[in-house]
Structures are given as C-alpha cells and as structure tokens.
Amino acid sequence: MKTLNLLTLLIVIVGGVNWGLVGLFDFNLVAAIFGAGTVVTRIVYVLVGLSALYQIYPFSLATRIDEAPAEAAGGRR
C-alpha cells in the first residue's frame, strides 16, 4: 500500500508540474515528450487523473488523524 501511495503521489506531482508549465508558459511537457493527442499521452493523463482520485484516500486518512495540521505546523510536537 505504501508503494502505491508513493507512486500515485509522484504521478500527481508530475501532473501538477505539467499543469504549472501549461499555465505559466503555455508548454505541455507531456505532449512535447509523447506527442499531442497520442495514445501514450492520453494514458499519461488518465494515470494522473486516477492517481489524483487515489490520493483522496490517504488525504482523508491524514485529516482524520490530524496529520495534515501537524505537518502545517512544521512537525513540531
């Protein structure tokens, strides 16, 4: 489960960086690497979306155990 969480988190980060590049510079890194509108590009987008949906679960667990507020405070106990 930890491996899946880390993998999906990494994919979400890559997707977020790509959207940042699109917003700031109108540059789509995924399309630049795999080609605009290709099957591989669409698979990457689907994986990013599924990873984001999966990350809702660990996020909800973190908010239940107050992990998110602890991280916001810099990890001080």
PDB file of N, CA and C in Angstrom:
ATOM      1  N   MET A   1       0.829  -1.195   0.000  1.00  0.00           N
ATOM      2  CA  MET A   1       0.000   0.000   0.000  1.00  0.00           C
ATOM      3  C   MET A   1       0.870   1.255   0.000  1.00  0.00           C
ATOM      4  N   LYS A   2       1.990   1.223   0.752  1.00  0.00           N
ATOM      5  CA  LYS A   2       2.866   2.388   0.799  1.00  0.00           C
ATOM      6  C   LYS A   2       3.477   2.661  -0.571  1.00  0.00           C
ATOM      7  N   THR A   3       3.840   1.602  -1.298  1.00  0.00           N
ATOM      8  CA  THR A   3       4.418   1.765  -2.630  1.00  0.00           C
ATOM      9  C   THR A   3       3.417   2.411  -3.572  1.00  0.00           C
ATOM     10  N   LEU A   4       2.172   1.950  -3.533  1.00  0.00           N
ATOM     11  CA  LEU A   4       1.133   2.530  -4.378  1.00  0.00           C
ATOM     12  C   LEU A   4       0.901   3.995  -4.020  1.00  0.00           C
ATOM     13  N   ASN A   5       0.913   4.313  -2.744  1.00  0.00           N
ATOM     14  CA  ASN A   5       0.730   5.692  -2.306  1.00  0.00           C
ATOM     15  C   ASN A   5       1.865   6.580  -2.835  1.00  0.00           C
ATOM     16  N   LEU A   6       3.089   6.131  -2.721  1.00  0.00           N
ATOM     17  CA  LEU A   6       4.228   6.914  -3.199  1.00  0.00           C
ATOM     18  C   LEU A   6       4.216   7.054  -4.718  1.00  0.00           C
ATOM     19  N   LEU A   7       3.867   5.976  -5.417  1.00  0.00           N
ATOM     20  CA  LEU A   7       3.812   6.022  -6.875  1.00  0.00           C
ATOM     21  C   LEU A   7       2.745   7.000  -7.355  1.00  0.00           C
ATOM     22  N   THR A   8       1.552   6.916  -6.768  1.00  0.00           N
ATOM     23  CA  THR A   8       0.480   7.824  -7.197  1.00  0.00           C
ATOM     24  C   THR A   8       0.792   9.264  -6.807  1.00  0.00           C
ATOM     25  N   LEU A   9       1.435   9.464  -5.670  1.00  0.00           N
ATOM     26  CA  LEU A   9       1.821  10.815  -5.278  1.00  0.00           C
ATOM     27  C   LEU A   9       2.833  11.397  -6.271  1.00  0.00           C
ATOM     28  N   LEU A  10       3.790  10.591  -6.687  1.00  0.00           N
ATOM     29  CA  LEU A  10       4.768  11.034  -7.676  1.00  0.00           C
ATOM     30  C   LEU A  10       4.083  11.395  -8.998  1.00  0.00           C
ATOM     31  N   ILE A  11       3.139  10.579  -9.426  1.00  0.00           N
ATOM     32  CA  ILE A  11       2.417  10.854 -10.671  1.00  0.00           C
ATOM     33  C   ILE A  11       1.607  12.139 -10.551  1.00  0.00           C
ATOM     34  N   VAL A  12       0.979  12.372  -9.405  1.00  0.00           N
ATOM     35  CA  VAL A  12       0.216  13.604  -9.194  1.00  0.00           C
ATOM     36  C   VAL A  12       1.153  14.821  -9.228  1.00  0.00           C
ATOM     37  N   ILE A  13       2.338  14.686  -8.655  1.00  0.00           N
ATOM     38  CA  ILE A  13       3.304  15.784  -8.673  1.00  0.00           C
ATOM     39  C   ILE A  13       3.737  16.084 -10.111  1.00  0.00           C
ATOM     40  N   VAL A  14       4.021  15.048 -10.877  1.00  0.00           N
ATOM     41  CA  VAL A  14       4.389  15.243 -12.283  1.00  0.00           C
ATOM     42  C   VAL A  14       3.251  15.940 -13.031  1.00  0.00           C
ATOM     43  N   GLY A  15       2.021  15.521 -12.779  1.00  0.00           N
ATOM     44  CA  GLY A  15       0.872  16.167 -13.409  1.00  0.00           C
ATOM     45  C   GLY A  15       0.734  17.620 -12.998  1.00  0.00           C
ATOM     46  N   GLY A  16       0.985  17.897 -11.734  1.00  0.00           N
ATOM     47  CA  GLY A  16       0.909  19.276 -11.260  1.00  0.00           C
ATOM     48  C   GLY A  16       1.978  20.160 -11.876  1.00  0.00           C
ATOM     49  N   VAL A  17       3.177  19.621 -12.002  1.00  0.00           N
ATOM     50  CA  VAL A  17       4.256  20.377 -12.649  1.00  0.00           C
ATOM     51  C   VAL A  17       3.885  20.643 -14.109  1.00  0.00           C
ATOM     52  N   ASN A  18       3.320  19.645 -14.774  1.00  0.00           N
ATOM     53  CA  ASN A  18       2.908  19.835 -16.164  1.00  0.00           C
ATOM     54  C   ASN A  18       1.861  20.939 -16.281  1.00  0.00           C
ATOM     55  N   TRP A  19       0.870  20.932 -15.387  1.00  0.00           N
ATOM     56  CA  TRP A  19      -0.155  21.988 -15.428  1.00  0.00           C
ATOM     57  C   TRP A  19       0.449  23.358 -15.114  1.00  0.00           C
ATOM     58  N   GLY A  20       1.429  23.393 -14.229  1.00  0.00           N
ATOM     59  CA  GLY A  20       2.113  24.650 -13.950  1.00  0.00           C
ATOM     60  C   GLY A  20       2.817  25.188 -15.183  1.00  0.00           C
ATOM     61  N   LEU A  21       3.466  24.299 -15.917  1.00  0.00           N
ATOM     62  CA  LEU A  21       4.130  24.702 -17.153  1.00  0.00           C
ATOM     63  C   LEU A  21       3.124  25.183 -18.199  1.00  0.00           C
ATOM     64  N   VAL A  22       1.990  24.504 -18.262  1.00  0.00           N
ATOM     65  CA  VAL A  22       0.940  24.921 -19.205  1.00  0.00           C
ATOM     66  C   VAL A  22       0.433  26.312 -18.833  1.00  0.00           C
ATOM     67  N   GLY A  23       0.176  26.530 -17.558  1.00  0.00           N
ATOM     68  CA  GLY A  23      -0.356  27.815 -17.118  1.00  0.00           C
ATOM     69  C   GLY A  23       0.626  28.959 -17.241  1.00  0.00           C
ATOM     70  N   LEU A  24       1.886  28.706 -16.907  1.00  0.00           N
ATOM     71  CA  LEU A  24       2.886  29.770 -16.924  1.00  0.00           C
ATOM     72  C   LEU A  24       3.456  30.053 -18.308  1.00  0.00           C
ATOM     73  N   PHE A  25       3.724  28.991 -19.047  1.00  0.00           N
ATOM     74  CA  PHE A  25       4.462  29.151 -20.293  1.00  0.00           C
ATOM     75  C   PHE A  25       3.736  28.610 -21.527  1.00  0.00           C
ATOM     76  N   ASP A  26       2.511  28.125 -21.337  1.00  0.00           N
ATOM     77  CA  ASP A  26       1.765  27.501 -22.432  1.00  0.00           C
ATOM     78  C   ASP A  26       2.587  26.380 -23.072  1.00  0.00           C
ATOM     79  N   PHE A  27       3.272  25.606 -22.208  1.00  0.00           N
ATOM     80  CA  PHE A  27       4.113  24.498 -22.659  1.00  0.00           C
ATOM     81  C   PHE A  27       3.651  23.213 -21.987  1.00  0.00           C
ATOM     82  N   ASN A  28       3.194  22.259 -22.789  1.00  0.00           N
ATOM     83  CA  ASN A  28       2.720  20.983 -22.276  1.00  0.00           C
ATOM     84  C   ASN A  28       3.852  19.962 -22.413  1.00  0.00           C
ATOM     85  N   LEU A  29       4.498  19.658 -21.296  1.00  0.00           N
ATOM     86  CA  LEU A  29       5.649  18.758 -21.297  1.00  0.00           C
ATOM     87  C   LEU A  29       5.266  17.353 -21.739  1.00  0.00           C
ATOM     88  N   VAL A  30       4.120  16.865 -21.289  1.00  0.00           N
ATOM     89  CA  VAL A  30       3.680  15.515 -21.655  1.00  0.00           C
ATOM     90  C   VAL A  30       3.485  15.425 -23.166  1.00  0.00           C
ATOM     91  N   ALA A  31       2.809  16.409 -23.740  1.00  0.00           N
ATOM     92  CA  ALA A  31       2.591  16.414 -25.189  1.00  0.00           C
ATOM     93  C   ALA A  31       3.905  16.591 -25.936  1.00  0.00           C
ATOM     94  N   ALA A  32       4.832  17.355 -25.375  1.00  0.00           N
ATOM     95  CA  ALA A  32       6.130  17.545 -26.019  1.00  0.00           C
ATOM     96  C   ALA A  32       6.937  16.251 -26.046  1.00  0.00           C
ATOM     97  N   ILE A  33       6.817  15.455 -24.986  1.00  0.00           N
ATOM     98  CA  ILE A  33       7.573  14.204 -24.913  1.00  0.00           C
ATOM     99  C   ILE A  33       6.922  13.111 -25.754  1.00  0.00           C
ATOM    100  N   PHE A  34       5.605  12.941 -25.615  1.00  0.00           N
ATOM    101  CA  PHE A  34       4.917  11.806 -26.236  1.00  0.00           C
ATOM    102  C   PHE A  34       4.128  12.169 -27.491  1.00  0.00           C
ATOM    103  N   GLY A  35       3.997  13.457 -27.800  1.00  0.00           N
ATOM    104  CA  GLY A  35       3.227  13.881 -28.959  1.00  0.00           C
ATOM    105  C   GLY A  35       1.811  14.272 -28.555  1.00  0.00           C
ATOM    106  N   ALA A  36       1.324  15.336 -29.136  1.00  0.00           N
ATOM    107  CA  ALA A  36      -0.021  15.822 -28.810  1.00  0.00           C
ATOM    108  C   ALA A  36      -1.068  14.862 -29.349  1.00  0.00           C
ATOM    109  N   GLY A  37      -1.986  14.451 -28.495  1.00  0.00           N
ATOM    110  CA  GLY A  37      -3.107  13.614 -28.906  1.00  0.00           C
ATOM    111  C   GLY A  37      -2.783  12.155 -29.161  1.00  0.00           C
ATOM    112  N   THR A  38      -1.594  11.708 -28.775  1.00  0.00           N
ATOM    113  CA  THR A  38      -1.260  10.296 -28.988  1.00  0.00           C
ATOM    114  C   THR A  38      -1.881   9.436 -27.893  1.00  0.00           C
ATOM    115  N   VAL A  39      -1.889   8.150 -28.141  1.00  0.00           N
ATOM    116  CA  VAL A  39      -2.438   7.203 -27.164  1.00  0.00           C
ATOM    117  C   VAL A  39      -1.630   7.255 -25.870  1.00  0.00           C
ATOM    118  N   VAL A  40      -0.322   7.338 -25.979  1.00  0.00           N
ATOM    119  CA  VAL A  40       0.533   7.377 -24.786  1.00  0.00           C
ATOM    120  C   VAL A  40       0.240   8.628 -23.961  1.00  0.00           C
ATOM    121  N   THR A  41       0.069   9.760 -24.622  1.00  0.00           N
ATOM    122  CA  THR A  41      -0.255  10.998 -23.913  1.00  0.00           C
ATOM    123  C   THR A  41      -1.574  10.853 -23.167  1.00  0.00           C
ATOM    124  N   ARG A  42      -2.554  10.276 -23.824  1.00  0.00           N
ATOM    125  CA  ARG A  42      -3.852  10.070 -23.163  1.00  0.00           C
ATOM    126  C   ARG A  42      -3.733   9.126 -21.972  1.00  0.00           C
ATOM    127  N   ILE A  43      -2.901   8.097 -22.095  1.00  0.00           N
ATOM    128  CA  ILE A  43      -2.679   7.164 -20.978  1.00  0.00           C
ATOM    129  C   ILE A  43      -2.047   7.901 -19.800  1.00  0.00           C
ATOM    130  N   VAL A  44      -1.064   8.768 -20.086  1.00  0.00           N
ATOM    131  CA  VAL A  44      -0.430   9.544 -19.016  1.00  0.00           C
ATOM    132  C   VAL A  44      -1.469  10.406 -18.309  1.00  0.00           C
ATOM    133  N   TYR A  45      -2.320  11.077 -19.078  1.00  0.00           N
ATOM    134  CA  TYR A  45      -3.363  11.920 -18.478  1.00  0.00           C
ATOM    135  C   TYR A  45      -4.325  11.091 -17.624  1.00  0.00           C
ATOM    136  N   VAL A  46      -4.693   9.916 -18.107  1.00  0.00           N
ATOM    137  CA  VAL A  46      -5.588   9.039 -17.342  1.00  0.00           C
ATOM    138  C   VAL A  46      -4.903   8.594 -16.054  1.00  0.00           C
ATOM    139  N   LEU A  47      -3.623   8.243 -16.131  1.00  0.00           N
ATOM    140  CA  LEU A  47      -2.885   7.835 -14.928  1.00  0.00           C
ATOM    141  C   LEU A  47      -2.796   8.967 -13.913  1.00  0.00           C
ATOM    142  N   VAL A  48      -2.598  10.189 -14.388  1.00  0.00           N
ATOM    143  CA  VAL A  48      -2.561  11.343 -13.483  1.00  0.00           C
ATOM    144  C   VAL A  48      -3.923  11.505 -12.806  1.00  0.00           C
ATOM    145  N   GLY A  49      -4.987  11.408 -13.580  1.00  0.00           N
ATOM    146  CA  GLY A  49      -6.328  11.546 -13.019  1.00  0.00           C
ATOM    147  C   GLY A  49      -6.658  10.451 -12.016  1.00  0.00           C
ATOM    148  N   LEU A  50      -6.340   9.208 -12.352  1.00  0.00           N
ATOM    149  CA  LEU A  50      -6.590   8.098 -11.430  1.00  0.00           C
ATOM    150  C   LEU A  50      -5.742   8.227 -10.170  1.00  0.00           C
ATOM    151  N   SER A  51      -4.510   8.691 -10.336  1.00  0.00           N
ATOM    152  CA  SER A  51      -3.637   8.888  -9.173  1.00  0.00           C
ATOM    153  C   SER A  51      -4.191   9.966  -8.253  1.00  0.00           C
ATOM    154  N   ALA A  52      -4.721  11.030  -8.836  1.00  0.00           N
ATOM    155  CA  ALA A  52      -5.326  12.093  -8.023  1.00  0.00           C
ATOM    156  C   ALA A  52      -6.533  11.558  -7.269  1.00  0.00           C
ATOM    157  N   LEU A  53      -7.347  10.760  -7.928  1.00  0.00           N
ATOM    158  CA  LEU A  53      -8.501  10.160  -7.242  1.00  0.00           C
ATOM    159  C   LEU A  53      -8.047   9.248  -6.116  1.00  0.00           C
ATOM    160  N   TYR A  54      -7.004   8.459  -6.355  1.00  0.00           N
ATOM    161  CA  TYR A  54      -6.491   7.575  -5.312  1.00  0.00           C
ATOM    162  C   TYR A  54      -5.972   8.372  -4.121  1.00  0.00           C
ATOM    163  N   GLN A  55      -5.320   9.494  -4.373  1.00  0.00           N
ATOM    164  CA  GLN A  55      -4.727  10.296  -3.307  1.00  0.00           C
ATOM    165  C   GLN A  55      -5.770  10.908  -2.376  1.00  0.00           C
ATOM    166  N   ILE A  56      -7.027  10.896  -2.776  1.00  0.00           N
ATOM    167  CA  ILE A  56      -8.095  11.357  -1.877  1.00  0.00           C
ATOM    168  C   ILE A  56      -8.141  10.479  -0.636  1.00  0.00           C
ATOM    169  N   TYR A  57      -7.908   9.181  -0.801  1.00  0.00           N
ATOM    170  CA  TYR A  57      -7.970   8.258   0.331  1.00  0.00           C
ATOM    171  C   TYR A  57      -6.888   8.555   1.379  1.00  0.00           C
ATOM    172  N   PRO A  58      -5.591   8.597   1.033  1.00  0.00           N
ATOM    173  CA  PRO A  58      -4.597   8.919   2.062  1.00  0.00           C
ATOM    174  C   PRO A  58      -4.795  10.316   2.655  1.00  0.00           C
ATOM    175  N   PHE A  59      -5.260  11.241   1.836  1.00  0.00           N
ATOM    176  CA  PHE A  59      -5.517  12.589   2.344  1.00  0.00           C
ATOM    177  C   PHE A  59      -6.624  12.566   3.400  1.00  0.00           C
ATOM    178  N   SER A  60      -7.680  11.816   3.133  1.00  0.00           N
ATOM    179  CA  SER A  60      -8.767  11.743   4.120  1.00  0.00           C
ATOM    180  C   SER A  60      -8.292  11.070   5.403  1.00  0.00           C
ATOM    181  N   LEU A  61      -7.429  10.069   5.292  1.00  0.00           N
ATOM    182  CA  LEU A  61      -6.873   9.437   6.496  1.00  0.00           C
ATOM    183  C   LEU A  61      -6.010  10.417   7.273  1.00  0.00           C
ATOM    184  N   ALA A  62      -5.214  11.206   6.569  1.00  0.00           N
ATOM    185  CA  ALA A  62      -4.333  12.174   7.233  1.00  0.00           C
ATOM    186  C   ALA A  62      -5.142  13.221   7.977  1.00  0.00           C
ATOM    187  N   THR A  63      -6.257  13.649   7.416  1.00  0.00           N
ATOM    188  CA  THR A  63      -7.055  14.659   8.106  1.00  0.00           C
ATOM    189  C   THR A  63      -7.772  14.068   9.308  1.00  0.00           C
ATOM    190  N   ARG A  64      -8.082  12.779   9.273  1.00  0.00           N
ATOM    191  CA  ARG A  64      -8.744  12.140  10.426  1.00  0.00           C
ATOM    192  C   ARG A  64      -7.808  11.997  11.619  1.00  0.00           C
ATOM    193  N   ILE A  65      -6.525  11.782  11.349  1.00  0.00           N
ATOM    194  CA  ILE A  65      -5.579  11.590  12.461  1.00  0.00           C
ATOM    195  C   ILE A  65      -4.796  12.861  12.750  1.00  0.00           C
ATOM    196  N   ASP A  66      -5.252  13.974  12.204  1.00  0.00           N
ATOM    197  CA  ASP A  66      -4.623  15.278  12.404  1.00  0.00           C
ATOM    198  C   ASP A  66      -3.191  15.339  11.907  1.00  0.00           C
ATOM    199  N   GLU A  67      -2.858  14.524  10.920  1.00  0.00           N
ATOM    200  CA  GLU A  67      -1.513  14.566  10.347  1.00  0.00           C
ATOM    201  C   GLU A  67      -1.299  15.835   9.544  1.00  0.00           C
ATOM    202  N   ALA A  68      -2.315  16.253   8.814  1.00  0.00           N
ATOM    203  CA  ALA A  68      -2.182  17.464   7.994  1.00  0.00           C
ATOM    204  C   ALA A  68      -1.909  18.707   8.850  1.00  0.00           C
ATOM    205  N   PRO A  69      -2.648  18.941   9.949  1.00  0.00           N
ATOM    206  CA  PRO A  69      -2.320  20.093  10.783  1.00  0.00           C
ATOM    207  C   PRO A  69      -0.924  19.986  11.406  1.00  0.00           C
ATOM    208  N   ALA A  70      -0.495  18.786  11.747  1.00  0.00           N
ATOM    209  CA  ALA A  70       0.832  18.622  12.315  1.00  0.00           C
ATOM    210  C   ALA A  70       1.899  18.989  11.306  1.00  0.00           C
ATOM    211  N   GLU A  71       1.697  18.620  10.046  1.00  0.00           N
ATOM    212  CA  GLU A  71       2.659  18.968   9.001  1.00  0.00           C
ATOM    213  C   GLU A  71       2.667  20.463   8.757  1.00  0.00           C
ATOM    214  N   ALA A  72       1.518  21.101   8.835  1.00  0.00           N
ATOM    215  CA  ALA A  72       1.431  22.539   8.617  1.00  0.00           C
ATOM    216  C   ALA A  72       2.181  23.306   9.695  1.00  0.00           C
ATOM    217  N   ALA A  73       2.268  22.742  10.888  1.00  0.00           N
ATOM    218  CA  ALA A  73       2.966  23.394  11.997  1.00  0.00           C
ATOM    219  C   ALA A  73       4.468  23.119  11.948  1.00  0.00           C
ATOM    220  N   GLY A  74       4.935  22.506  10.897  1.00  0.00           N
ATOM    221  CA  GLY A  74       6.364  22.242  10.778  1.00  0.00           C
ATOM    222  C   GLY A  74       6.810  20.996  11.512  1.00  0.00           C
ATOM    223  N   GLY A  75       5.850  20.140  11.840  1.00  0.00           N
ATOM    224  CA  GLY A  75       6.183  18.891  12.506  1.00  0.00           C
ATOM    225  C   GLY A  75       6.533  19.035  13.967  1.00  0.00           C
ATOM    226  N   ARG A  76       6.302  20.207  14.559  1.00  0.00           N
ATOM    227  CA  ARG A  76       6.584  20.401  15.987  1.00  0.00           C
ATOM    228  C   ARG A  76       5.599  19.623  16.832  1.00  0.00           C
ATOM    229  N   ARG A  77       6.092  19.016  17.890  1.00  0.00           N
ATOM    230  CA  ARG A  77       5.207  18.240  18.793  1.00  0.00           C
ATOM    231  C   ARG A  77       5.290  18.770  20.186  1.00  0.00           C
TER     232      ARG A  77
END
